[in-house]
Amino acid sequence: MGMDVEERLREIKEHFGELIDDDTARLLAEYSLGKFVPDARTGRIRGLVKDKRIYRDRGYCRLVVETEDGDVNLYFWDEAYEVALNDIFPGMNVEVEASRGESGYHVRNGEVVRVEVDESRIKTVSEIENGTVNVKGRIAGIEGIRETRDGKKLASFVITDGKVFTPLVLWDDKVEFAEILSPGDEVIIFNAYVNEFRGKKNIHAGRNSYIDVRRFS
């Protein structure tokens, strides 16, 4: 006899403990057993992405989207998961056709997802504060690739808005941009992180960031 939903639910809650809420635990239990059936009704959701959470070990991504009717949870699965993982970040506008569920709306088909960039919500280098930020500027200098003491690679640049020059450090898969970027390129970085080192702000971008390069001839 196969495992039922309640048994699987208990197993998931024991495994994740306080890291998972009841709605998400039940959703995962049903989905893992092939018994998750979203509401037949679908809705078009459009709004600003406020928050993004990636659950790689569970195979889905959750976005909090600010719509005209309030905040909505969007869960991305299967093909749509890859779209949310790589192409959607806080500060972007998203529009999807989604199935309604108890805890939010669910998306599986990546082809029904549309993403737009609202540049009015992107900070210039002069405007950034510590914390998570979407920022734009031009590459003013390239300092190359190096390794930290623990063997992690990073690529260092200088980015500017014409007023302020700030270090830009790329980590993880973003190091490959060292082979792509040239002085004068405009970049928009989504989900970057800003901190201070020796009294100077530094911009960091890694695995969970997205970089849009705009090259001008």
Protein backbone atom coordinates (compact mmCIF):
# COMPACT_ATOMS: atom_id res chain seq x y z
CA MET A 1 0.00 0.00 0.00
CA GLY A 2 1.35 3.42 -0.95
CA MET A 3 1.88 6.31 1.39
CA ASP A 4 -1.12 8.60 1.87
CA VAL A 5 -1.03 12.38 2.01
CA GLU A 6 -1.29 12.66 5.79
CA GLU A 7 1.57 10.21 6.31
CA ARG A 8 3.73 12.06 3.81
CA LEU A 9 2.75 15.36 5.44
CA ARG A 10 3.99 14.16 8.83
CA GLU A 11 7.23 12.99 7.25
CA ILE A 12 7.85 16.37 5.59
CA LYS A 13 7.09 18.34 8.74
CA GLU A 14 9.40 16.12 10.80
CA HIS A 15 12.16 16.65 8.26
CA PHE A 16 11.89 20.44 7.88
CA GLY A 17 10.57 21.32 11.34
CA GLU A 18 10.00 25.05 11.77
CA LEU A 19 11.53 25.79 8.37
CA ILE A 20 8.27 25.04 6.59
CA ASP A 21 4.71 26.26 7.14
CA ASP A 22 1.64 24.02 7.12
CA ASP A 23 0.35 25.15 3.71
CA THR A 24 3.67 24.56 1.98
CA ALA A 25 4.14 21.21 3.72
CA ARG A 26 0.74 19.98 2.53
CA LEU A 27 1.39 21.30 -0.97
CA LEU A 28 4.68 19.38 -1.12
CA ALA A 29 3.09 16.23 0.28
CA GLU A 30 0.39 16.24 -2.37
CA TYR A 31 2.80 17.15 -5.15
CA SER A 32 5.34 14.45 -4.22
CA LEU A 33 2.61 11.81 -4.31
CA GLY A 34 1.18 13.05 -7.59
CA LYS A 35 -2.04 14.08 -5.90
CA PHE A 36 -1.71 17.83 -6.16
CA VAL A 37 -4.56 19.09 -8.32
CA PRO A 38 -4.78 22.88 -8.59
CA ASP A 39 -8.10 24.61 -8.83
CA ALA A 40 -9.44 24.35 -12.38
CA ARG A 41 -9.93 28.09 -12.36
CA THR A 42 -7.04 30.14 -13.67
CA GLY A 43 -6.25 33.77 -13.24
CA ARG A 44 -3.95 36.31 -14.81
CA ILE A 45 -1.60 37.72 -12.19
CA ARG A 46 0.33 40.89 -12.90
CA GLY A 47 2.41 42.96 -10.54
CA LEU A 48 5.74 43.84 -8.99
CA VAL A 49 7.94 41.06 -7.60
CA LYS A 50 8.63 41.96 -3.96
CA ASP A 51 10.33 38.80 -2.75
CA LYS A 52 11.81 35.60 -4.17
CA ARG A 53 12.55 32.37 -2.34
CA ILE A 54 14.23 29.41 -4.04
CA TYR A 55 13.68 25.90 -2.67
CA ARG A 56 16.12 23.89 -4.77
CA ASP A 57 15.80 20.74 -2.69
CA ARG A 58 12.01 20.88 -3.04
CA GLY A 59 11.95 21.84 -6.72
CA TYR A 60 9.99 25.07 -6.64
CA CYS A 61 10.36 28.83 -6.38
CA ARG A 62 7.97 31.18 -4.54
CA LEU A 63 7.46 34.80 -5.50
CA VAL A 64 5.53 37.41 -3.57
CA VAL A 65 3.92 39.69 -6.13
CA GLU A 66 2.30 43.04 -5.34
CA THR A 67 -0.89 43.32 -7.40
CA GLU A 68 -3.71 45.87 -7.45
CA ASP A 69 -5.66 43.58 -5.08
CA GLY A 70 -2.81 43.00 -2.63
CA ASP A 71 0.12 40.62 -2.29
CA VAL A 72 -0.12 37.20 -3.97
CA ASN A 73 2.04 34.09 -3.60
CA LEU A 74 3.13 32.58 -6.91
CA TYR A 75 4.62 29.08 -6.92
CA PHE A 76 6.72 28.08 -9.95
CA TRP A 77 7.18 24.38 -10.76
CA ASP A 78 8.69 22.26 -13.55
CA GLU A 79 9.54 24.38 -16.63
CA ALA A 80 8.33 27.56 -14.97
CA TYR A 81 10.73 26.90 -12.07
CA GLU A 82 13.70 27.34 -14.43
CA VAL A 83 12.25 30.65 -15.67
CA ALA A 84 11.73 31.95 -12.13
CA LEU A 85 15.17 30.72 -11.07
CA ASN A 86 17.11 32.40 -13.86
CA ASP A 87 15.02 35.28 -15.20
CA ILE A 88 12.79 36.75 -12.47
CA PHE A 89 14.06 38.90 -9.61
CA PRO A 90 12.64 41.39 -7.09
CA GLY A 91 12.03 44.75 -8.72
CA MET A 92 10.79 43.24 -11.99
CA ASN A 93 7.19 43.19 -13.18
CA VAL A 94 5.76 39.76 -13.93
CA GLU A 95 2.59 38.62 -15.69
CA VAL A 96 1.48 34.98 -15.67
CA GLU A 97 -1.51 32.76 -16.32
CA ALA A 98 -1.73 30.66 -13.16
CA SER A 99 -3.90 28.03 -11.50
CA ARG A 100 -5.45 28.91 -8.16
CA GLY A 101 -4.57 26.86 -5.10
CA GLU A 102 -5.18 27.14 -1.36
CA SER A 103 -1.92 28.92 -0.60
CA GLY A 104 -1.60 30.98 -3.77
CA TYR A 105 -1.28 30.55 -7.51
CA HIS A 106 0.74 27.87 -9.32
CA VAL A 107 2.64 28.05 -12.60
CA ARG A 108 4.16 25.11 -14.47
CA ASN A 109 4.47 26.25 -18.07
CA GLY A 110 7.35 28.64 -18.66
CA GLU A 111 5.75 29.91 -21.88
CA VAL A 112 2.96 31.71 -19.99
CA VAL A 113 5.40 33.88 -18.04
CA ARG A 114 6.15 37.45 -19.13
CA VAL A 115 8.76 39.61 -17.40
CA GLU A 116 9.28 43.36 -17.70
CA VAL A 117 11.92 45.62 -16.20
CA ASP A 118 10.67 48.75 -14.42
CA GLU A 119 13.74 50.96 -14.63
CA SER A 120 12.19 53.58 -12.36
CA ARG A 121 12.76 51.14 -9.48
CA ILE A 122 16.46 50.65 -10.24
CA LYS A 123 18.97 52.65 -8.20
CA THR A 124 21.97 54.47 -9.59
CA VAL A 125 25.37 53.88 -8.00
CA SER A 126 25.01 57.18 -6.10
CA GLU A 127 21.69 56.08 -4.58
CA ILE A 128 22.55 52.63 -3.21
CA GLU A 129 22.32 51.77 0.48
CA ASN A 130 23.51 48.70 2.35
CA GLY A 131 21.42 45.60 1.75
CA THR A 132 19.72 44.04 -1.27
CA VAL A 133 19.35 46.35 -4.26
CA ASN A 134 18.76 46.57 -8.00
CA VAL A 135 21.38 48.90 -9.44
CA LYS A 136 22.55 50.23 -12.79
CA GLY A 137 25.78 51.82 -13.96
CA ARG A 138 28.63 51.66 -16.47
CA ILE A 139 31.75 49.57 -16.22
CA ALA A 140 34.61 52.00 -15.54
CA GLY A 141 37.38 49.51 -14.83
CA ILE A 142 38.21 45.81 -14.92
CA GLU A 143 40.53 44.43 -12.25
CA GLY A 144 40.35 40.77 -13.29
CA ILE A 145 39.77 37.40 -11.63
CA ARG A 146 41.41 36.24 -8.43
CA GLU A 147 40.90 33.67 -5.70
CA THR A 148 40.15 34.12 -2.03
CA ARG A 149 42.16 32.28 0.63
CA ASP A 150 39.58 29.51 0.70
CA GLY A 151 39.78 29.00 -3.06
CA LYS A 152 36.65 30.86 -4.20
CA LYS A 153 36.92 32.77 -7.46
CA LEU A 154 35.75 36.34 -7.82
CA ALA A 155 35.90 38.96 -10.55
CA SER A 156 36.47 42.60 -9.63
CA PHE A 157 35.27 45.66 -11.53
CA VAL A 158 34.62 49.34 -10.93
CA ILE A 159 31.11 50.62 -11.73
CA THR A 160 29.99 54.24 -11.98
CA ASP A 161 27.00 56.46 -12.68
CA GLY A 162 29.28 59.36 -13.63
CA LYS A 163 29.25 60.74 -10.10
CA VAL A 164 30.42 57.91 -7.85
CA PHE A 165 32.84 55.05 -8.57
CA THR A 166 32.17 51.85 -6.61
CA PRO A 167 33.78 48.37 -6.54
CA LEU A 168 31.67 45.62 -8.12
CA VAL A 169 32.50 42.04 -7.13
CA LEU A 170 31.06 39.06 -9.01
CA TRP A 171 30.90 35.60 -7.44
CA ASP A 172 29.88 32.04 -8.35
CA ASP A 173 28.62 31.68 -11.93
CA LYS A 174 28.76 35.46 -12.43
CA VAL A 175 32.58 35.32 -12.56
CA GLU A 176 32.22 34.37 -16.24
CA PHE A 177 31.14 37.96 -16.95
CA ALA A 178 34.83 38.83 -16.72
CA GLU A 179 35.05 37.43 -20.27
CA ILE A 180 32.03 39.43 -21.43
CA LEU A 181 32.15 42.90 -19.91
CA SER A 182 34.14 45.79 -21.36
CA PRO A 183 34.72 49.35 -20.13
CA GLY A 184 31.75 51.51 -21.13
CA ASP A 185 29.18 48.68 -20.99
CA GLU A 186 26.02 49.54 -19.09
CA VAL A 187 24.86 46.89 -16.65
CA ILE A 188 21.70 46.45 -14.64
CA ILE A 189 22.15 44.10 -11.69
CA PHE A 190 19.11 42.61 -10.00
CA ASN A 191 19.26 41.20 -6.49
CA ALA A 192 22.73 42.55 -5.79
CA TYR A 193 24.00 43.01 -2.24
CA VAL A 194 25.70 46.14 -0.92
CA ASN A 195 28.01 46.29 2.08
CA GLU A 196 30.81 48.53 3.29
CA PHE A 197 34.50 47.65 3.41
CA ARG A 198 36.99 50.12 4.83
CA GLY A 199 34.39 52.85 4.68
CA LYS A 200 33.50 52.31 1.01
CA LYS A 201 30.38 50.69 -0.40
CA ASN A 202 30.87 47.50 -2.41
CA ILE A 203 28.34 45.87 -4.72
CA HIS A 204 28.27 42.06 -4.82
CA ALA A 205 26.46 39.80 -7.30
CA GLY A 206 26.37 36.01 -7.18
CA ARG A 207 24.30 32.94 -7.91
CA ASN A 208 20.98 34.56 -7.02
CA SER A 209 21.63 37.75 -8.97
CA TYR A 210 20.84 38.59 -12.58
CA ILE A 211 22.98 40.81 -14.80
CA ASP A 212 21.65 42.53 -17.92
CA VAL A 213 24.40 43.89 -20.18
CA ARG A 214 23.65 46.76 -22.53
CA ARG A 215 26.48 47.41 -24.93
CA PHE A 216 26.74 50.66 -26.85
CA SER A 217 28.78 51.07 -30.03
